[in-house]
Amino acid sequence: MSSQRTFLLEAGVDEDRIYTDVGFTGKNAQRAGLHQALAAVREGDTLVVPKMDRLARNVEDTLHIVRELTERGVIFQMGLTVYDPHDPWSKLFLTFLAAIAEAEGGWISLRTQEGMARPSVRKKLKGRQPAIPPETDKAIAKALDEGDDSIAEIARAHRISRSSVYRAAERHRRRQQR
């Protein structure tokens, strides 16, 4: 993100006119930063994006956004290249780069799915491991059933927080209800 911000600043974009979508990729067209940027530009303005995949990850969205900008009299610049909507070569180049961005997104998804399908990866992706080992959980349940110790005493004895004891108690209560 910092290299993109640096590019935009060097391209002359004011700091307060840089819109970001943290945690989103260009694949998702419903991004607050994108909508803010599109709403902020006026006729004669230039919308600058560092790379095509920062605008959109598919040809249809890219062409729709750029067509909308052109109709509003907004200039579109990707990287150092200014898009000329009247030049057929510029249109071809834009469509080509949008297709590459779309294919790249597909390849990333495919590699991720292939990686997740491997048994060695599936074994590693079991979700978050419990903070309390099963044997400690059983010891806490036993102490709670006996009722001799307070929550704070059980927590100190097992070197865990009181909230962890409360969560263990809730798990124990659910198991008993089954």
N, C-alpha and C. Protein backbone atom coordinates (compact mmCIF):
# COMPACT_ATOMS: atom_id res chain seq x y z
N MET A 1 0.83 -1.19 0.00
CA MET A 1 0.00 0.00 0.00
C MET A 1 0.87 1.25 0.00
N SER A 2 1.99 1.23 0.71
CA SER A 2 2.83 2.44 0.78
C SER A 2 3.44 2.77 -0.58
N SER A 3 3.78 1.76 -1.38
CA SER A 3 4.34 2.05 -2.70
C SER A 3 3.28 2.68 -3.60
N GLN A 4 2.04 2.26 -3.44
CA GLN A 4 0.96 2.86 -4.22
C GLN A 4 0.73 4.31 -3.80
N ARG A 5 0.75 4.54 -2.49
CA ARG A 5 0.58 5.91 -1.96
C ARG A 5 1.72 6.79 -2.46
N THR A 6 2.94 6.27 -2.41
CA THR A 6 4.11 7.02 -2.89
C THR A 6 3.94 7.37 -4.36
N PHE A 7 3.51 6.39 -5.17
CA PHE A 7 3.29 6.65 -6.60
C PHE A 7 2.28 7.78 -6.80
N LEU A 8 1.17 7.70 -6.07
CA LEU A 8 0.12 8.72 -6.23
C LEU A 8 0.62 10.10 -5.83
N LEU A 9 1.36 10.18 -4.73
CA LEU A 9 1.90 11.47 -4.30
C LEU A 9 2.87 12.02 -5.33
N GLU A 10 3.73 11.15 -5.88
CA GLU A 10 4.68 11.58 -6.90
C GLU A 10 3.97 11.97 -8.20
N ALA A 11 2.78 11.40 -8.43
CA ALA A 11 2.00 11.74 -9.63
C ALA A 11 1.24 13.05 -9.44
N GLY A 12 1.36 13.65 -8.25
CA GLY A 12 0.74 14.94 -8.00
C GLY A 12 -0.63 14.88 -7.33
N VAL A 13 -1.02 13.70 -6.85
CA VAL A 13 -2.30 13.58 -6.17
C VAL A 13 -2.14 14.11 -4.74
N ASP A 14 -3.04 14.99 -4.33
CA ASP A 14 -3.01 15.52 -2.96
C ASP A 14 -3.31 14.41 -1.97
N GLU A 15 -2.65 14.47 -0.82
CA GLU A 15 -2.81 13.45 0.23
C GLU A 15 -4.29 13.25 0.60
N ASP A 16 -5.03 14.34 0.69
CA ASP A 16 -6.44 14.23 1.09
C ASP A 16 -7.34 13.74 -0.04
N ARG A 17 -6.77 13.52 -1.22
CA ARG A 17 -7.54 13.00 -2.35
C ARG A 17 -7.16 11.56 -2.68
N ILE A 18 -6.43 10.91 -1.76
CA ILE A 18 -6.08 9.50 -1.93
C ILE A 18 -7.11 8.67 -1.17
N TYR A 19 -7.78 7.80 -1.89
CA TYR A 19 -8.82 6.95 -1.31
C TYR A 19 -8.32 5.52 -1.29
N THR A 20 -8.49 4.86 -0.14
CA THR A 20 -7.98 3.49 0.00
C THR A 20 -9.08 2.56 0.46
N ASP A 21 -8.88 1.30 0.14
CA ASP A 21 -9.76 0.22 0.60
C ASP A 21 -8.87 -0.82 1.26
N VAL A 22 -8.67 -0.69 2.55
CA VAL A 22 -7.82 -1.62 3.28
C VAL A 22 -8.58 -2.92 3.47
N GLY A 23 -7.93 -4.03 3.11
CA GLY A 23 -8.54 -5.33 3.29
C GLY A 23 -9.40 -5.79 2.13
N PHE A 24 -9.49 -5.00 1.08
CA PHE A 24 -10.27 -5.36 -0.10
C PHE A 24 -9.35 -5.40 -1.31
N THR A 25 -9.72 -6.22 -2.28
CA THR A 25 -8.99 -6.24 -3.54
C THR A 25 -9.87 -5.61 -4.61
N GLY A 26 -9.31 -5.43 -5.77
CA GLY A 26 -10.08 -4.88 -6.88
C GLY A 26 -11.17 -5.82 -7.35
N LYS A 27 -11.16 -7.07 -6.86
CA LYS A 27 -12.17 -8.05 -7.24
C LYS A 27 -13.55 -7.63 -6.73
N ASN A 28 -13.57 -6.95 -5.61
CA ASN A 28 -14.83 -6.52 -5.00
C ASN A 28 -15.16 -5.10 -5.47
N ALA A 29 -16.21 -4.97 -6.25
CA ALA A 29 -16.58 -3.65 -6.78
C ALA A 29 -17.26 -2.79 -5.72
N GLN A 30 -17.76 -3.40 -4.68
CA GLN A 30 -18.44 -2.66 -3.61
C GLN A 30 -17.42 -2.26 -2.54
N ARG A 31 -16.64 -1.23 -2.83
CA ARG A 31 -15.60 -0.77 -1.90
C ARG A 31 -15.83 0.70 -1.60
N ALA A 32 -15.80 1.04 -0.33
CA ALA A 32 -16.07 2.42 0.09
C ALA A 32 -15.08 3.40 -0.55
N GLY A 33 -13.79 3.06 -0.55
CA GLY A 33 -12.79 3.97 -1.11
C GLY A 33 -13.01 4.23 -2.59
N LEU A 34 -13.37 3.20 -3.33
CA LEU A 34 -13.65 3.36 -4.76
C LEU A 34 -14.86 4.28 -4.95
N HIS A 35 -15.92 4.03 -4.19
CA HIS A 35 -17.12 4.87 -4.32
C HIS A 35 -16.83 6.32 -3.93
N GLN A 36 -16.01 6.53 -2.91
CA GLN A 36 -15.65 7.89 -2.50
C GLN A 36 -14.86 8.59 -3.61
N ALA A 37 -13.91 7.87 -4.19
CA ALA A 37 -13.10 8.45 -5.26
C ALA A 37 -13.96 8.81 -6.46
N LEU A 38 -14.85 7.91 -6.85
CA LEU A 38 -15.72 8.17 -8.01
C LEU A 38 -16.67 9.33 -7.73
N ALA A 39 -17.13 9.44 -6.50
CA ALA A 39 -18.04 10.54 -6.14
C ALA A 39 -17.30 11.88 -6.07
N ALA A 40 -16.01 11.84 -5.74
CA ALA A 40 -15.24 13.08 -5.54
C ALA A 40 -14.79 13.73 -6.85
N VAL A 41 -14.59 12.94 -7.90
CA VAL A 41 -14.06 13.52 -9.14
C VAL A 41 -15.15 14.27 -9.90
N ARG A 42 -14.72 15.38 -10.49
CA ARG A 42 -15.63 16.25 -11.24
C ARG A 42 -15.09 16.41 -12.67
N GLU A 43 -15.89 16.99 -13.52
CA GLU A 43 -15.48 17.23 -14.89
C GLU A 43 -14.14 17.97 -14.91
N GLY A 44 -13.20 17.46 -15.71
CA GLY A 44 -11.87 18.06 -15.81
C GLY A 44 -10.86 17.47 -14.85
N ASP A 45 -11.32 16.74 -13.82
CA ASP A 45 -10.40 16.07 -12.88
C ASP A 45 -9.78 14.86 -13.56
N THR A 46 -8.71 14.36 -12.95
CA THR A 46 -8.07 13.13 -13.41
C THR A 46 -8.11 12.13 -12.27
N LEU A 47 -8.65 10.94 -12.55
CA LEU A 47 -8.62 9.85 -11.59
C LEU A 47 -7.37 9.03 -11.89
N VAL A 48 -6.47 8.95 -10.91
CA VAL A 48 -5.20 8.23 -11.09
C VAL A 48 -5.24 6.96 -10.26
N VAL A 49 -4.93 5.83 -10.89
CA VAL A 49 -4.76 4.57 -10.15
C VAL A 49 -3.37 4.04 -10.47
N PRO A 50 -2.66 3.52 -9.46
CA PRO A 50 -1.29 3.05 -9.69
C PRO A 50 -1.22 1.86 -10.64
N LYS A 51 -2.18 0.92 -10.49
CA LYS A 51 -2.19 -0.28 -11.32
C LYS A 51 -3.64 -0.64 -11.63
N MET A 52 -3.84 -1.35 -12.73
CA MET A 52 -5.19 -1.70 -13.16
C MET A 52 -5.95 -2.49 -12.10
N ASP A 53 -5.27 -3.43 -11.44
CA ASP A 53 -5.99 -4.27 -10.47
C ASP A 53 -6.42 -3.50 -9.23
N ARG A 54 -5.97 -2.26 -9.07
CA ARG A 54 -6.44 -1.42 -7.96
C ARG A 54 -7.80 -0.83 -8.28
N LEU A 55 -8.13 -0.72 -9.56
CA LEU A 55 -9.43 -0.20 -9.97
C LEU A 55 -10.47 -1.31 -9.98
N ALA A 56 -10.16 -2.39 -10.69
CA ALA A 56 -11.09 -3.51 -10.81
C ALA A 56 -10.32 -4.75 -11.23
N ARG A 57 -10.90 -5.91 -10.95
CA ARG A 57 -10.26 -7.18 -11.30
C ARG A 57 -11.02 -7.90 -12.40
N ASN A 58 -11.91 -7.19 -13.10
CA ASN A 58 -12.54 -7.82 -14.26
C ASN A 58 -12.80 -6.78 -15.33
N VAL A 59 -12.88 -7.26 -16.55
CA VAL A 59 -13.00 -6.39 -17.71
C VAL A 59 -14.30 -5.58 -17.66
N GLU A 60 -15.39 -6.25 -17.32
CA GLU A 60 -16.69 -5.59 -17.32
C GLU A 60 -16.72 -4.39 -16.36
N ASP A 61 -16.25 -4.59 -15.11
CA ASP A 61 -16.24 -3.49 -14.14
C ASP A 61 -15.32 -2.36 -14.60
N THR A 62 -14.15 -2.73 -15.11
CA THR A 62 -13.19 -1.72 -15.57
C THR A 62 -13.79 -0.85 -16.66
N LEU A 63 -14.34 -1.49 -17.68
CA LEU A 63 -14.90 -0.73 -18.80
C LEU A 63 -16.09 0.12 -18.36
N HIS A 64 -16.90 -0.41 -17.45
CA HIS A 64 -18.05 0.35 -16.93
C HIS A 64 -17.57 1.60 -16.20
N ILE A 65 -16.59 1.44 -15.31
CA ILE A 65 -16.08 2.58 -14.53
C ILE A 65 -15.46 3.63 -15.45
N VAL A 66 -14.62 3.19 -16.39
CA VAL A 66 -13.94 4.13 -17.28
C VAL A 66 -14.95 4.82 -18.20
N ARG A 67 -15.94 4.08 -18.67
CA ARG A 67 -16.98 4.69 -19.52
C ARG A 67 -17.74 5.76 -18.73
N GLU A 68 -18.07 5.44 -17.48
CA GLU A 68 -18.78 6.41 -16.62
C GLU A 68 -17.92 7.67 -16.41
N LEU A 69 -16.63 7.47 -16.16
CA LEU A 69 -15.72 8.62 -15.98
C LEU A 69 -15.67 9.47 -17.24
N THR A 70 -15.55 8.82 -18.39
CA THR A 70 -15.47 9.52 -19.66
C THR A 70 -16.74 10.34 -19.91
N GLU A 71 -17.90 9.74 -19.64
CA GLU A 71 -19.17 10.45 -19.83
C GLU A 71 -19.27 11.68 -18.93
N ARG A 72 -18.62 11.62 -17.77
CA ARG A 72 -18.65 12.74 -16.82
C ARG A 72 -17.54 13.75 -17.09
N GLY A 73 -16.71 13.49 -18.11
CA GLY A 73 -15.63 14.41 -18.44
C GLY A 73 -14.42 14.29 -17.54
N VAL A 74 -14.28 13.12 -16.90
CA VAL A 74 -13.14 12.86 -16.01
C VAL A 74 -12.08 12.10 -16.79
N ILE A 75 -10.84 12.52 -16.65
CA ILE A 75 -9.72 11.86 -17.32
C ILE A 75 -9.28 10.68 -16.46
N PHE A 76 -8.97 9.56 -17.10
CA PHE A 76 -8.53 8.36 -16.38
C PHE A 76 -7.05 8.12 -16.68
N GLN A 77 -6.28 7.98 -15.60
CA GLN A 77 -4.85 7.70 -15.74
C GLN A 77 -4.52 6.45 -14.93
N MET A 78 -3.88 5.48 -15.61
CA MET A 78 -3.44 4.27 -14.94
C MET A 78 -1.92 4.23 -15.05
N GLY A 79 -1.28 4.24 -13.88
CA GLY A 79 0.18 4.34 -13.89
C GLY A 79 0.55 5.68 -14.48
N LEU A 80 1.43 5.67 -15.46
CA LEU A 80 1.85 6.91 -16.11
C LEU A 80 1.09 7.16 -17.41
N THR A 81 0.16 6.25 -17.75
CA THR A 81 -0.56 6.32 -19.02
C THR A 81 -1.93 6.97 -18.84
N VAL A 82 -2.18 8.00 -19.63
CA VAL A 82 -3.49 8.65 -19.63
C VAL A 82 -4.33 7.98 -20.72
N TYR A 83 -5.51 7.53 -20.33
CA TYR A 83 -6.42 6.86 -21.25
C TYR A 83 -7.09 7.88 -22.16
N ASP A 84 -7.05 7.60 -23.45
CA ASP A 84 -7.72 8.45 -24.44
C ASP A 84 -8.92 7.68 -24.99
N PRO A 85 -10.13 8.04 -24.60
CA PRO A 85 -11.31 7.28 -25.02
C PRO A 85 -11.61 7.35 -26.51
N HIS A 86 -10.93 8.25 -27.23
CA HIS A 86 -11.18 8.39 -28.67
C HIS A 86 -10.15 7.64 -29.51
N ASP A 87 -9.15 7.07 -28.87
CA ASP A 87 -8.08 6.36 -29.58
C ASP A 87 -8.33 4.85 -29.50
N PRO A 88 -8.50 4.17 -30.64
CA PRO A 88 -8.76 2.73 -30.61
C PRO A 88 -7.62 1.94 -29.95
N TRP A 89 -6.38 2.40 -30.11
CA TRP A 89 -5.26 1.70 -29.48
C TRP A 89 -5.31 1.84 -27.96
N SER A 90 -5.72 2.99 -27.51
CA SER A 90 -5.86 3.22 -26.07
C SER A 90 -6.97 2.33 -25.50
N LYS A 91 -8.08 2.21 -26.24
CA LYS A 91 -9.18 1.33 -25.81
C LYS A 91 -8.71 -0.12 -25.76
N LEU A 92 -7.96 -0.53 -26.78
CA LEU A 92 -7.44 -1.90 -26.82
C LEU A 92 -6.51 -2.15 -25.64
N PHE A 93 -5.62 -1.22 -25.39
CA PHE A 93 -4.65 -1.35 -24.29
C PHE A 93 -5.38 -1.45 -22.95
N LEU A 94 -6.38 -0.61 -22.74
CA LEU A 94 -7.16 -0.64 -21.50
C LEU A 94 -7.85 -1.99 -21.33
N THR A 95 -8.50 -2.46 -22.38
CA THR A 95 -9.20 -3.74 -22.32
C THR A 95 -8.23 -4.88 -22.08
N PHE A 96 -7.07 -4.82 -22.73
CA PHE A 96 -6.04 -5.84 -22.56
C PHE A 96 -5.55 -5.89 -21.11
N LEU A 97 -5.25 -4.73 -20.54
CA LEU A 97 -4.77 -4.69 -19.15
C LEU A 97 -5.86 -5.14 -18.17
N ALA A 98 -7.11 -4.80 -18.47
CA ALA A 98 -8.22 -5.26 -17.62
C ALA A 98 -8.35 -6.78 -17.69
N ALA A 99 -8.17 -7.35 -18.88
CA ALA A 99 -8.23 -8.80 -19.04
C ALA A 99 -7.09 -9.48 -18.28
N ILE A 100 -5.91 -8.89 -18.31
CA ILE A 100 -4.78 -9.45 -17.56
C ILE A 100 -5.06 -9.39 -16.06
N ALA A 101 -5.60 -8.29 -15.58
CA ALA A 101 -5.93 -8.16 -14.16
C ALA A 101 -6.97 -9.21 -13.76
N GLU A 102 -7.95 -9.44 -14.63
CA GLU A 102 -8.97 -10.45 -14.35
C GLU A 102 -8.36 -11.85 -14.32
N ALA A 103 -7.52 -12.16 -15.31
CA ALA A 103 -6.87 -13.47 -15.35
C ALA A 103 -5.98 -13.67 -14.14
N GLU A 104 -5.24 -12.64 -13.77
CA GLU A 104 -4.35 -12.72 -12.61
C GLU A 104 -5.15 -13.03 -11.34
N GLY A 105 -6.29 -12.38 -11.17
CA GLY A 105 -7.16 -12.67 -10.02
C GLY A 105 -7.63 -14.11 -10.03
N GLY A 106 -7.98 -14.61 -11.21
CA GLY A 106 -8.39 -16.01 -11.33
C GLY A 106 -7.27 -16.97 -11.00
N TRP A 107 -6.06 -16.64 -11.45
CA TRP A 107 -4.91 -17.51 -11.15
C TRP A 107 -4.60 -17.53 -9.66
N ILE A 108 -4.73 -16.38 -9.02
CA ILE A 108 -4.49 -16.31 -7.57
C ILE A 108 -5.50 -17.20 -6.84
N SER A 109 -6.77 -17.10 -7.22
CA SER A 109 -7.81 -17.92 -6.59
C SER A 109 -7.56 -19.40 -6.84
N LEU A 110 -7.18 -19.73 -8.06
CA LEU A 110 -6.92 -21.13 -8.40
C LEU A 110 -5.76 -21.69 -7.58
N ARG A 111 -4.67 -20.93 -7.47
CA ARG A 111 -3.52 -21.40 -6.68
C ARG A 111 -3.90 -21.56 -5.21
N THR A 112 -4.71 -20.65 -4.71
CA THR A 112 -5.15 -20.74 -3.32
C THR A 112 -5.99 -21.99 -3.12
N GLN A 113 -6.93 -22.25 -4.02
CA GLN A 113 -7.78 -23.44 -3.90
C GLN A 113 -6.95 -24.71 -4.02
N GLU A 114 -5.99 -24.73 -4.95
CA GLU A 114 -5.13 -25.91 -5.09
C GLU A 114 -4.31 -26.14 -3.83
N GLY A 115 -3.80 -25.07 -3.27
CA GLY A 115 -3.02 -25.19 -2.05
C GLY A 115 -3.86 -25.69 -0.89
N MET A 116 -5.08 -25.20 -0.78
CA MET A 116 -5.96 -25.62 0.31
C MET A 116 -6.39 -27.08 0.13
N ALA A 117 -6.41 -27.56 -1.10
CA ALA A 117 -6.84 -28.93 -1.35
C ALA A 117 -5.79 -29.96 -0.95
N ARG A 118 -4.54 -29.53 -0.83
CA ARG A 118 -3.49 -30.47 -0.44
C ARG A 118 -3.69 -30.93 1.00
N PRO A 119 -3.56 -32.23 1.24
CA PRO A 119 -3.77 -32.75 2.60
C PRO A 119 -2.87 -32.10 3.65
N SER A 120 -1.62 -31.83 3.30
CA SER A 120 -0.71 -31.24 4.29
C SER A 120 -1.19 -29.86 4.73
N VAL A 121 -1.79 -29.10 3.80
CA VAL A 121 -2.28 -27.77 4.14
C VAL A 121 -3.56 -27.89 4.96
N ARG A 122 -4.44 -28.84 4.58
CA ARG A 122 -5.70 -29.02 5.32
C ARG A 122 -5.42 -29.35 6.79
N LYS A 123 -4.38 -30.13 7.04
CA LYS A 123 -4.05 -30.49 8.42
C LYS A 123 -3.64 -29.26 9.22
N LYS A 124 -2.98 -28.32 8.56
CA LYS A 124 -2.51 -27.12 9.25
C LYS A 124 -3.62 -26.11 9.45
N LEU A 125 -4.67 -26.16 8.64
CA LEU A 125 -5.73 -25.16 8.69
C LEU A 125 -6.94 -25.69 9.47
N LYS A 126 -6.75 -25.95 10.71
CA LYS A 126 -7.83 -26.48 11.53
C LYS A 126 -8.52 -25.38 12.32
N GLY A 127 -8.18 -24.17 12.08
CA GLY A 127 -8.74 -23.07 12.84
C GLY A 127 -7.89 -22.79 14.06
N ARG A 128 -8.36 -21.88 14.85
CA ARG A 128 -7.62 -21.47 16.04
C ARG A 128 -7.62 -22.60 17.06
N GLN A 129 -6.45 -22.88 17.58
CA GLN A 129 -6.34 -23.91 18.61
C GLN A 129 -6.87 -23.35 19.93
N PRO A 130 -7.48 -24.21 20.76
CA PRO A 130 -8.01 -23.71 22.03
C PRO A 130 -6.90 -23.18 22.92
N ALA A 131 -7.21 -22.11 23.66
CA ALA A 131 -6.23 -21.51 24.56
C ALA A 131 -5.92 -22.45 25.72
N ILE A 132 -6.88 -23.28 26.05
CA ILE A 132 -6.72 -24.21 27.17
C ILE A 132 -6.64 -25.63 26.62
N PRO A 133 -5.57 -26.36 26.93
CA PRO A 133 -5.47 -27.75 26.47
C PRO A 133 -6.62 -28.59 27.04
N PRO A 134 -7.02 -29.66 26.35
CA PRO A 134 -8.15 -30.48 26.80
C PRO A 134 -8.00 -31.00 28.24
N GLU A 135 -6.76 -31.39 28.62
CA GLU A 135 -6.59 -31.91 29.98
C GLU A 135 -6.82 -30.82 31.04
N THR A 136 -6.41 -29.60 30.73
CA THR A 136 -6.66 -28.48 31.65
C THR A 136 -8.15 -28.18 31.70
N ASP A 137 -8.80 -28.25 30.56
CA ASP A 137 -10.24 -28.03 30.48
C ASP A 137 -10.98 -29.02 31.39
N LYS A 138 -10.55 -30.28 31.35
CA LYS A 138 -11.17 -31.31 32.20
C LYS A 138 -10.92 -31.04 33.67
N ALA A 139 -9.70 -30.61 34.00
CA ALA A 139 -9.37 -30.30 35.39
C ALA A 139 -10.21 -29.13 35.90
N ILE A 140 -10.43 -28.15 35.05
CA ILE A 140 -11.26 -27.00 35.42
C ILE A 140 -12.70 -27.45 35.65
N ALA A 141 -13.20 -28.29 34.74
CA ALA A 141 -14.57 -28.80 34.89
C ALA A 141 -14.72 -29.56 36.20
N LYS A 142 -13.72 -30.37 36.54
CA LYS A 142 -13.76 -31.13 37.80
C LYS A 142 -13.77 -30.18 39.00
N ALA A 143 -12.90 -29.16 38.96
CA ALA A 143 -12.84 -28.20 40.07
C ALA A 143 -14.16 -27.44 40.20
N LEU A 144 -14.77 -27.11 39.08
CA LEU A 144 -16.06 -26.42 39.12
C LEU A 144 -17.14 -27.31 39.71
N ASP A 145 -17.13 -28.60 39.31
CA ASP A 145 -18.12 -29.54 39.84
C ASP A 145 -17.98 -29.72 41.35
N GLU A 146 -16.73 -29.76 41.81
CA GLU A 146 -16.49 -29.94 43.25
C GLU A 146 -16.93 -28.71 44.03
N GLY A 147 -16.78 -27.53 43.43
CA GLY A 147 -17.25 -26.30 44.05
C GLY A 147 -16.45 -25.80 45.23
N ASP A 148 -15.26 -26.33 45.46
CA ASP A 148 -14.46 -25.91 46.61
C ASP A 148 -13.66 -24.64 46.34
N ASP A 149 -13.33 -24.38 45.07
CA ASP A 149 -12.47 -23.25 44.73
C ASP A 149 -13.26 -22.17 44.00
N SER A 150 -12.83 -20.94 44.18
CA SER A 150 -13.44 -19.82 43.45
C SER A 150 -12.87 -19.79 42.03
N ILE A 151 -13.51 -19.02 41.17
CA ILE A 151 -13.02 -18.86 39.79
C ILE A 151 -11.59 -18.33 39.81
N ALA A 152 -11.33 -17.34 40.66
CA ALA A 152 -9.98 -16.75 40.74
C ALA A 152 -8.96 -17.78 41.18
N GLU A 153 -9.33 -18.64 42.12
CA GLU A 153 -8.39 -19.68 42.60
C GLU A 153 -8.12 -20.70 41.50
N ILE A 154 -9.14 -21.08 40.77
CA ILE A 154 -8.95 -22.03 39.65
C ILE A 154 -8.05 -21.40 38.59
N ALA A 155 -8.28 -20.13 38.30
CA ALA A 155 -7.46 -19.43 37.30
C ALA A 155 -6.00 -19.39 37.73
N ARG A 156 -5.74 -19.05 38.99
CA ARG A 156 -4.36 -19.01 39.49
C ARG A 156 -3.72 -20.40 39.44
N ALA A 157 -4.46 -21.41 39.82
CA ALA A 157 -3.92 -22.78 39.86
C ALA A 157 -3.50 -23.25 38.47
N HIS A 158 -4.20 -22.81 37.45
CA HIS A 158 -3.90 -23.27 36.08
C HIS A 158 -3.16 -22.21 35.26
N ARG A 159 -2.84 -21.08 35.90
CA ARG A 159 -2.11 -19.98 35.25
C ARG A 159 -2.82 -19.48 33.98
N ILE A 160 -4.11 -19.25 34.14
CA ILE A 160 -4.91 -18.71 33.04
C ILE A 160 -5.76 -17.57 33.60
N SER A 161 -6.40 -16.83 32.73
CA SER A 161 -7.23 -15.71 33.17
C SER A 161 -8.57 -16.21 33.69
N ARG A 162 -9.22 -15.36 34.46
CA ARG A 162 -10.55 -15.72 34.97
C ARG A 162 -11.53 -15.87 33.81
N SER A 163 -11.38 -15.03 32.78
CA SER A 163 -12.29 -15.14 31.64
C SER A 163 -12.13 -16.48 30.93
N SER A 164 -10.90 -17.03 30.91
CA SER A 164 -10.70 -18.36 30.33
C SER A 164 -11.41 -19.42 31.15
N VAL A 165 -11.41 -19.25 32.47
CA VAL A 165 -12.13 -20.19 33.34
C VAL A 165 -13.63 -20.09 33.07
N TYR A 166 -14.13 -18.87 32.92
CA TYR A 166 -15.56 -18.71 32.61
C TYR A 166 -15.92 -19.37 31.28
N ARG A 167 -15.05 -19.22 30.27
CA ARG A 167 -15.31 -19.87 28.97
C ARG A 167 -15.28 -21.39 29.11
N ALA A 168 -14.34 -21.90 29.90
CA ALA A 168 -14.27 -23.35 30.14
C ALA A 168 -15.52 -23.81 30.86
N ALA A 169 -16.00 -23.02 31.81
CA ALA A 169 -17.22 -23.37 32.54
C ALA A 169 -18.42 -23.42 31.59
N GLU A 170 -18.47 -22.47 30.65
CA GLU A 170 -19.56 -22.45 29.67
C GLU A 170 -19.50 -23.68 28.76
N ARG A 171 -18.30 -24.05 28.32
CA ARG A 171 -18.15 -25.27 27.50
C ARG A 171 -18.60 -26.49 28.29
N HIS A 172 -18.20 -26.55 29.55
CA HIS A 172 -18.55 -27.68 30.42
C HIS A 172 -20.08 -27.74 30.59
N ARG A 173 -20.71 -26.58 30.80
CA ARG A 173 -22.16 -26.53 30.96
C ARG A 173 -22.87 -27.04 29.71
N ARG A 174 -22.36 -26.64 28.52
CA ARG A 174 -22.96 -27.09 27.26
C ARG A 174 -22.81 -28.60 27.08
N ARG A 175 -21.64 -29.12 27.46
CA ARG A 175 -21.42 -30.58 27.34
C ARG A 175 -22.39 -31.34 28.24
N GLN A 176 -22.66 -30.81 29.42
CA GLN A 176 -23.56 -31.49 30.35
C GLN A 176 -25.00 -31.48 29.85
N GLN A 177 -25.37 -30.48 29.07
CA GLN A 177 -26.74 -30.38 28.57
C GLN A 177 -27.01 -31.35 27.43
N ARG A 178 -25.99 -31.87 26.82
CA ARG A 178 -26.17 -32.78 25.67
C ARG A 178 -26.68 -34.11 26.10
